[in-house]
N, C-alpha and C. Protein backbone atom coordinates (compact mmCIF):
# COMPACT_ATOMS: atom_id res chain seq x y z
N LEU A 1 155.29 -91.15 36.72
CA LEU A 1 156.39 -90.21 36.79
C LEU A 1 157.08 -90.30 38.15
N ARG A 2 156.29 -90.45 39.19
CA ARG A 2 156.90 -90.57 40.53
C ARG A 2 157.82 -91.78 40.61
N ASN A 3 157.38 -92.92 40.03
CA ASN A 3 158.23 -94.13 40.05
C ASN A 3 159.52 -93.89 39.29
N ALA A 4 159.42 -93.23 38.14
CA ALA A 4 160.62 -92.94 37.35
C ALA A 4 161.57 -92.03 38.12
N LEU A 5 161.02 -91.06 38.85
CA LEU A 5 161.86 -90.18 39.67
C LEU A 5 162.57 -90.96 40.76
N GLU A 6 161.82 -91.83 41.44
CA GLU A 6 162.41 -92.64 42.52
C GLU A 6 163.48 -93.58 41.99
N ASP A 7 163.26 -94.11 40.76
CA ASP A 7 164.21 -95.05 40.17
C ASP A 7 165.36 -94.37 39.44
N GLY A 8 165.26 -93.05 39.26
CA GLY A 8 166.29 -92.33 38.50
C GLY A 8 166.24 -92.66 37.01
N ASP A 9 165.07 -93.03 36.52
CA ASP A 9 164.89 -93.42 35.12
C ASP A 9 164.66 -92.17 34.27
N THR A 10 165.76 -91.56 33.82
CA THR A 10 165.68 -90.27 33.13
C THR A 10 164.91 -90.36 31.81
N ALA A 11 165.07 -91.44 31.07
CA ALA A 11 164.35 -91.57 29.79
C ALA A 11 162.85 -91.57 30.01
N THR A 12 162.38 -92.27 31.04
CA THR A 12 160.95 -92.31 31.34
C THR A 12 160.46 -90.96 31.84
N ILE A 13 161.26 -90.28 32.65
CA ILE A 13 160.87 -88.95 33.13
C ILE A 13 160.60 -88.02 31.94
N LEU A 14 161.51 -88.00 30.98
CA LEU A 14 161.35 -87.13 29.82
C LEU A 14 160.16 -87.55 28.96
N ARG A 15 159.97 -88.85 28.77
CA ARG A 15 158.85 -89.35 27.97
C ARG A 15 157.53 -89.00 28.62
N VAL A 16 157.41 -89.25 29.92
CA VAL A 16 156.15 -88.98 30.63
C VAL A 16 155.88 -87.47 30.69
N ALA A 17 156.91 -86.66 30.85
CA ALA A 17 156.71 -85.21 30.86
C ALA A 17 156.12 -84.75 29.53
N GLU A 18 156.64 -85.26 28.43
CA GLU A 18 156.10 -84.88 27.13
C GLU A 18 154.68 -85.41 26.96
N GLU A 19 154.43 -86.66 27.36
CA GLU A 19 153.10 -87.25 27.23
C GLU A 19 152.07 -86.56 28.13
N SER A 20 152.52 -85.92 29.19
CA SER A 20 151.62 -85.23 30.12
C SER A 20 151.43 -83.77 29.75
N SER A 21 151.85 -83.44 28.55
CA SER A 21 151.82 -82.06 28.08
C SER A 21 151.13 -81.98 26.73
N VAL A 22 150.72 -80.78 26.38
CA VAL A 22 150.27 -80.49 25.03
C VAL A 22 151.43 -79.80 24.33
N VAL A 23 151.83 -80.31 23.18
CA VAL A 23 152.94 -79.72 22.44
C VAL A 23 152.38 -78.62 21.55
N THR A 24 152.89 -77.40 21.74
CA THR A 24 152.41 -76.25 20.99
C THR A 24 153.16 -76.12 19.66
N SER A 25 152.68 -75.22 18.82
CA SER A 25 153.33 -74.99 17.53
C SER A 25 154.75 -74.46 17.70
N SER A 26 155.04 -73.82 18.83
CA SER A 26 156.39 -73.31 19.09
C SER A 26 157.30 -74.36 19.74
N GLY A 27 156.76 -75.56 19.95
CA GLY A 27 157.56 -76.64 20.53
C GLY A 27 157.51 -76.74 22.04
N CYS A 28 156.75 -75.86 22.68
CA CYS A 28 156.61 -75.96 24.14
C CYS A 28 155.84 -77.23 24.50
N TRP A 29 156.25 -77.84 25.60
CA TRP A 29 155.48 -78.94 26.19
C TRP A 29 154.73 -78.31 27.35
N GLU A 30 153.47 -77.96 27.15
CA GLU A 30 152.70 -77.30 28.20
C GLU A 30 152.10 -78.33 29.15
N TRP A 31 152.59 -78.30 30.37
CA TRP A 31 152.17 -79.22 31.43
C TRP A 31 150.66 -79.11 31.64
N GLN A 32 149.96 -80.25 31.69
CA GLN A 32 148.51 -80.25 31.75
C GLN A 32 147.94 -80.61 33.11
N TYR A 33 148.79 -80.70 34.10
CA TYR A 33 148.30 -81.06 35.44
C TYR A 33 148.50 -79.90 36.40
N ALA A 34 148.69 -80.17 37.64
CA ALA A 34 148.74 -79.13 38.67
C ALA A 34 149.82 -78.09 38.38
N THR A 35 149.47 -76.84 38.71
CA THR A 35 150.43 -75.74 38.63
C THR A 35 150.40 -74.98 39.95
N ASN A 36 151.46 -74.26 40.21
CA ASN A 36 151.48 -73.44 41.41
C ASN A 36 150.88 -72.07 41.10
N GLY A 37 150.85 -71.18 42.06
CA GLY A 37 150.25 -69.86 41.88
C GLY A 37 150.93 -69.03 40.82
N ALA A 38 152.19 -69.31 40.52
CA ALA A 38 152.92 -68.56 39.50
C ALA A 38 152.78 -69.18 38.12
N GLY A 39 152.09 -70.34 38.03
CA GLY A 39 151.85 -70.97 36.73
C GLY A 39 152.85 -72.04 36.34
N TYR A 40 153.75 -72.43 37.24
CA TYR A 40 154.73 -73.49 36.93
C TYR A 40 154.11 -74.85 37.24
N GLY A 41 154.40 -75.84 36.39
CA GLY A 41 153.91 -77.20 36.60
C GLY A 41 154.44 -77.77 37.90
N MET A 42 153.56 -78.44 38.63
CA MET A 42 153.93 -79.02 39.93
C MET A 42 153.69 -80.53 39.90
N LEU A 43 154.46 -81.24 40.69
CA LEU A 43 154.29 -82.67 40.87
C LEU A 43 154.57 -82.99 42.33
N GLY A 44 153.62 -83.66 42.99
CA GLY A 44 153.85 -84.09 44.36
C GLY A 44 154.99 -85.08 44.38
N GLN A 45 155.85 -84.94 45.35
CA GLN A 45 157.04 -85.80 45.40
C GLN A 45 157.39 -86.09 46.85
N GLY A 46 157.03 -87.28 47.32
CA GLY A 46 157.40 -87.68 48.68
C GLY A 46 156.90 -86.73 49.74
N GLY A 47 155.67 -86.26 49.61
CA GLY A 47 155.11 -85.37 50.60
C GLY A 47 155.39 -83.90 50.33
N SER A 48 156.24 -83.61 49.35
CA SER A 48 156.48 -82.22 48.97
C SER A 48 156.26 -82.08 47.47
N ALA A 49 156.03 -80.88 47.05
CA ALA A 49 155.78 -80.63 45.64
C ALA A 49 157.08 -80.26 44.94
N GLY A 50 157.23 -80.74 43.71
CA GLY A 50 158.40 -80.41 42.91
C GLY A 50 157.98 -79.66 41.66
N LEU A 51 158.81 -78.74 41.20
CA LEU A 51 158.56 -78.03 39.96
C LEU A 51 158.96 -78.93 38.80
N VAL A 52 158.01 -79.22 37.93
CA VAL A 52 158.23 -80.20 36.86
C VAL A 52 159.36 -79.76 35.94
N HIS A 53 159.43 -78.49 35.59
CA HIS A 53 160.49 -78.07 34.67
C HIS A 53 161.87 -78.32 35.27
N ARG A 54 162.01 -78.18 36.58
CA ARG A 54 163.30 -78.45 37.22
C ARG A 54 163.60 -79.95 37.23
N LEU A 55 162.57 -80.76 37.50
CA LEU A 55 162.77 -82.22 37.50
C LEU A 55 163.16 -82.71 36.11
N VAL A 56 162.52 -82.13 35.08
CA VAL A 56 162.83 -82.52 33.70
C VAL A 56 164.26 -82.12 33.34
N LEU A 57 164.66 -80.92 33.71
CA LEU A 57 166.03 -80.50 33.38
C LEU A 57 167.05 -81.35 34.12
N GLU A 58 166.76 -81.69 35.38
CA GLU A 58 167.65 -82.61 36.11
C GLU A 58 167.80 -83.91 35.35
N ALA A 59 166.68 -84.45 34.85
CA ALA A 59 166.73 -85.70 34.09
C ALA A 59 167.54 -85.52 32.80
N ALA A 60 167.35 -84.39 32.14
CA ALA A 60 168.02 -84.15 30.86
C ALA A 60 169.53 -84.00 31.02
N ILE A 61 169.98 -83.34 32.10
CA ILE A 61 171.42 -83.14 32.26
C ILE A 61 172.07 -84.20 33.16
N GLY A 62 171.23 -85.00 33.81
CA GLY A 62 171.76 -86.13 34.57
C GLY A 62 172.35 -85.80 35.93
N ARG A 63 171.91 -84.69 36.52
CA ARG A 63 172.40 -84.36 37.87
C ARG A 63 171.41 -83.44 38.56
N PRO A 64 171.45 -83.43 39.91
CA PRO A 64 170.59 -82.51 40.65
C PRO A 64 170.97 -81.06 40.38
N LEU A 65 169.99 -80.18 40.41
CA LEU A 65 170.23 -78.76 40.14
C LEU A 65 170.62 -77.98 41.39
N GLY A 66 170.25 -78.48 42.54
CA GLY A 66 170.49 -77.71 43.75
C GLY A 66 169.71 -76.41 43.69
N ALA A 67 170.37 -75.30 43.97
CA ALA A 67 169.71 -73.99 43.98
C ALA A 67 169.87 -73.24 42.66
N GLU A 68 170.47 -73.88 41.65
CA GLU A 68 170.69 -73.19 40.38
C GLU A 68 169.37 -72.79 39.73
N PRO A 69 169.24 -71.55 39.27
CA PRO A 69 168.02 -71.13 38.58
C PRO A 69 167.90 -71.77 37.21
N VAL A 70 166.67 -72.04 36.81
CA VAL A 70 166.37 -72.57 35.49
C VAL A 70 165.58 -71.51 34.73
N HIS A 71 166.04 -71.21 33.53
CA HIS A 71 165.42 -70.18 32.70
C HIS A 71 164.61 -70.85 31.58
N HIS A 72 163.39 -70.36 31.38
CA HIS A 72 162.56 -70.78 30.25
C HIS A 72 162.91 -69.88 29.07
N LYS A 73 163.64 -70.39 28.09
CA LYS A 73 164.00 -69.60 26.93
C LYS A 73 162.76 -69.16 26.16
N CYS A 74 161.69 -69.93 26.26
CA CYS A 74 160.43 -69.66 25.56
C CYS A 74 159.54 -68.70 26.34
N ALA A 75 159.88 -68.39 27.58
CA ALA A 75 159.09 -67.51 28.47
C ALA A 75 157.72 -68.09 28.79
N ASN A 76 157.56 -69.41 28.68
CA ASN A 76 156.29 -70.08 28.96
C ASN A 76 156.46 -70.89 30.24
N ARG A 77 155.87 -70.44 31.33
CA ARG A 77 156.07 -71.09 32.62
C ARG A 77 155.52 -72.51 32.67
N ARG A 78 154.54 -72.84 31.86
CA ARG A 78 153.98 -74.20 31.83
C ARG A 78 154.87 -75.16 31.03
N CYS A 79 155.83 -74.62 30.29
CA CYS A 79 156.66 -75.44 29.41
C CYS A 79 157.63 -76.31 30.21
N VAL A 80 157.67 -77.60 29.84
CA VAL A 80 158.61 -78.54 30.47
C VAL A 80 159.50 -79.20 29.42
N ASN A 81 159.60 -78.61 28.24
CA ASN A 81 160.47 -79.13 27.18
C ASN A 81 161.91 -78.84 27.58
N PRO A 82 162.74 -79.87 27.76
CA PRO A 82 164.12 -79.61 28.19
C PRO A 82 164.91 -78.77 27.20
N ALA A 83 164.53 -78.78 25.92
CA ALA A 83 165.21 -77.95 24.93
C ALA A 83 164.91 -76.47 25.13
N HIS A 84 163.86 -76.15 25.88
CA HIS A 84 163.49 -74.77 26.15
C HIS A 84 163.98 -74.28 27.51
N LEU A 85 164.72 -75.13 28.21
CA LEU A 85 165.18 -74.82 29.56
C LEU A 85 166.69 -74.72 29.59
N GLN A 86 167.20 -73.80 30.39
CA GLN A 86 168.66 -73.70 30.53
C GLN A 86 169.01 -73.23 31.94
N LEU A 87 170.16 -73.69 32.39
CA LEU A 87 170.69 -73.22 33.66
C LEU A 87 171.30 -71.84 33.45
N VAL A 88 171.03 -70.96 34.38
CA VAL A 88 171.56 -69.60 34.33
C VAL A 88 171.95 -69.18 35.74
N SER A 89 172.68 -68.10 35.82
CA SER A 89 172.95 -67.54 37.14
C SER A 89 171.71 -66.77 37.58
N HIS A 90 171.62 -66.49 38.86
CA HIS A 90 170.50 -65.71 39.36
C HIS A 90 170.47 -64.34 38.68
N ARG A 91 171.62 -63.75 38.51
CA ARG A 91 171.73 -62.43 37.87
C ARG A 91 171.21 -62.49 36.43
N GLU A 92 171.60 -63.52 35.66
CA GLU A 92 171.13 -63.66 34.28
C GLU A 92 169.62 -63.85 34.23
N ASN A 93 169.10 -64.67 35.13
CA ASN A 93 167.67 -64.94 35.16
C ASN A 93 166.89 -63.66 35.44
N MET A 94 167.32 -62.88 36.42
CA MET A 94 166.64 -61.64 36.77
C MET A 94 166.76 -60.61 35.64
N ALA A 95 167.92 -60.51 35.04
CA ALA A 95 168.11 -59.54 33.95
C ALA A 95 167.20 -59.86 32.77
N GLU A 96 167.09 -61.13 32.42
CA GLU A 96 166.22 -61.51 31.30
C GLU A 96 164.77 -61.21 31.64
N MET A 97 164.35 -61.53 32.85
CA MET A 97 162.97 -61.30 33.26
C MET A 97 162.64 -59.81 33.22
N LEU A 98 163.54 -58.98 33.73
CA LEU A 98 163.30 -57.54 33.73
C LEU A 98 163.27 -56.98 32.31
N THR A 99 164.16 -57.45 31.44
CA THR A 99 164.17 -57.01 30.04
C THR A 99 162.87 -57.39 29.35
N ARG A 100 162.43 -58.65 29.54
CA ARG A 100 161.19 -59.11 28.92
C ARG A 100 160.00 -58.30 29.42
N THR A 101 159.94 -58.04 30.72
CA THR A 101 158.84 -57.26 31.29
C THR A 101 158.84 -55.85 30.71
N TYR A 102 160.01 -55.25 30.61
CA TYR A 102 160.11 -53.91 30.03
C TYR A 102 159.63 -53.91 28.58
N LEU A 103 160.08 -54.89 27.79
CA LEU A 103 159.71 -54.93 26.38
C LEU A 103 158.21 -55.14 26.20
N VAL A 104 157.60 -55.99 27.00
CA VAL A 104 156.16 -56.21 26.90
C VAL A 104 155.42 -54.91 27.20
N LYS A 105 155.82 -54.22 28.25
CA LYS A 105 155.17 -52.95 28.59
C LYS A 105 155.37 -51.91 27.49
N ARG A 106 156.57 -51.88 26.91
CA ARG A 106 156.87 -50.92 25.85
C ARG A 106 156.01 -51.20 24.62
N VAL A 107 155.87 -52.44 24.23
CA VAL A 107 155.02 -52.81 23.09
C VAL A 107 153.57 -52.40 23.36
N GLU A 108 153.09 -52.64 24.57
CA GLU A 108 151.72 -52.24 24.91
C GLU A 108 151.55 -50.72 24.79
N GLU A 109 152.55 -49.94 25.23
CA GLU A 109 152.49 -48.49 25.10
C GLU A 109 152.43 -48.06 23.63
N LEU A 110 153.27 -48.67 22.81
CA LEU A 110 153.31 -48.33 21.39
C LEU A 110 152.01 -48.71 20.68
N GLU A 111 151.44 -49.87 21.03
CA GLU A 111 150.16 -50.26 20.44
C GLU A 111 149.07 -49.28 20.83
N SER A 112 149.07 -48.84 22.06
CA SER A 112 148.08 -47.87 22.53
C SER A 112 148.22 -46.55 21.78
N ALA A 113 149.43 -46.08 21.59
CA ALA A 113 149.67 -44.84 20.85
C ALA A 113 149.22 -44.98 19.40
N LEU A 114 149.48 -46.12 18.80
CA LEU A 114 149.06 -46.35 17.42
C LEU A 114 147.54 -46.34 17.29
N ARG A 115 146.85 -46.90 18.27
CA ARG A 115 145.38 -46.88 18.25
C ARG A 115 144.85 -45.44 18.24
N VAL A 116 145.50 -44.55 18.99
CA VAL A 116 145.07 -43.16 19.06
C VAL A 116 145.39 -42.44 17.74
N LEU A 117 146.58 -42.65 17.22
CA LEU A 117 147.01 -41.95 16.00
C LEU A 117 146.31 -42.44 14.74
N ASP A 118 146.10 -43.74 14.65
CA ASP A 118 145.51 -44.31 13.43
C ASP A 118 144.71 -45.56 13.79
N PRO A 119 143.47 -45.38 14.30
CA PRO A 119 142.68 -46.52 14.76
C PRO A 119 142.33 -47.53 13.67
N ASN A 120 142.49 -47.14 12.40
CA ASN A 120 142.19 -48.06 11.30
C ASN A 120 143.43 -48.68 10.69
N HIS A 121 144.57 -48.43 11.29
CA HIS A 121 145.82 -48.99 10.78
C HIS A 121 145.74 -50.51 10.83
N GLN A 122 146.30 -51.18 9.81
CA GLN A 122 146.21 -52.65 9.75
C GLN A 122 146.81 -53.33 10.97
N LEU A 123 147.83 -52.75 11.58
CA LEU A 123 148.41 -53.34 12.78
C LEU A 123 147.47 -53.24 13.96
N VAL A 124 146.72 -52.15 14.06
CA VAL A 124 145.74 -51.99 15.15
C VAL A 124 144.59 -52.96 14.96
N ILE A 125 144.11 -53.07 13.73
CA ILE A 125 142.99 -53.98 13.44
C ILE A 125 143.41 -55.42 13.74
N GLY A 126 144.65 -55.77 13.43
CA GLY A 126 145.16 -57.12 13.65
C GLY A 126 145.41 -57.45 15.11
N LEU A 127 145.44 -56.45 16.00
CA LEU A 127 145.73 -56.70 17.41
C LEU A 127 144.64 -57.49 18.09
N GLY A 128 143.40 -57.37 17.63
CA GLY A 128 142.30 -58.08 18.27
C GLY A 128 142.24 -59.54 17.91
N GLU A 129 143.05 -59.96 16.96
CA GLU A 129 143.00 -61.35 16.49
C GLU A 129 143.85 -62.27 17.32
């Protein structure tokens, strides 16, 4: 992958990214090598580390990203599938993240309330699966 990056070989970058991943049922390419503390795939690059999802999107669109934020439409930080990545503004990226965080917390609250009201409800029983 490093050689492909140095050579600007976008087809090889995309192929190696997929081959270095496990493809999930939802189509995510989950990076199987180094990740950073936040869970994003990392690749050493000329003495510095690069975020694999950003390198893959650069290859897919054919230009450097600069400081542009990249959004995971699948919400899977390990995913490097270019079809699951999109360029967004910083504002859009933050708004989506805050909405997703709110919705996850809200679902957890509702599941907890359902457990109290009806611990034998089929939805509560199915939560452990």
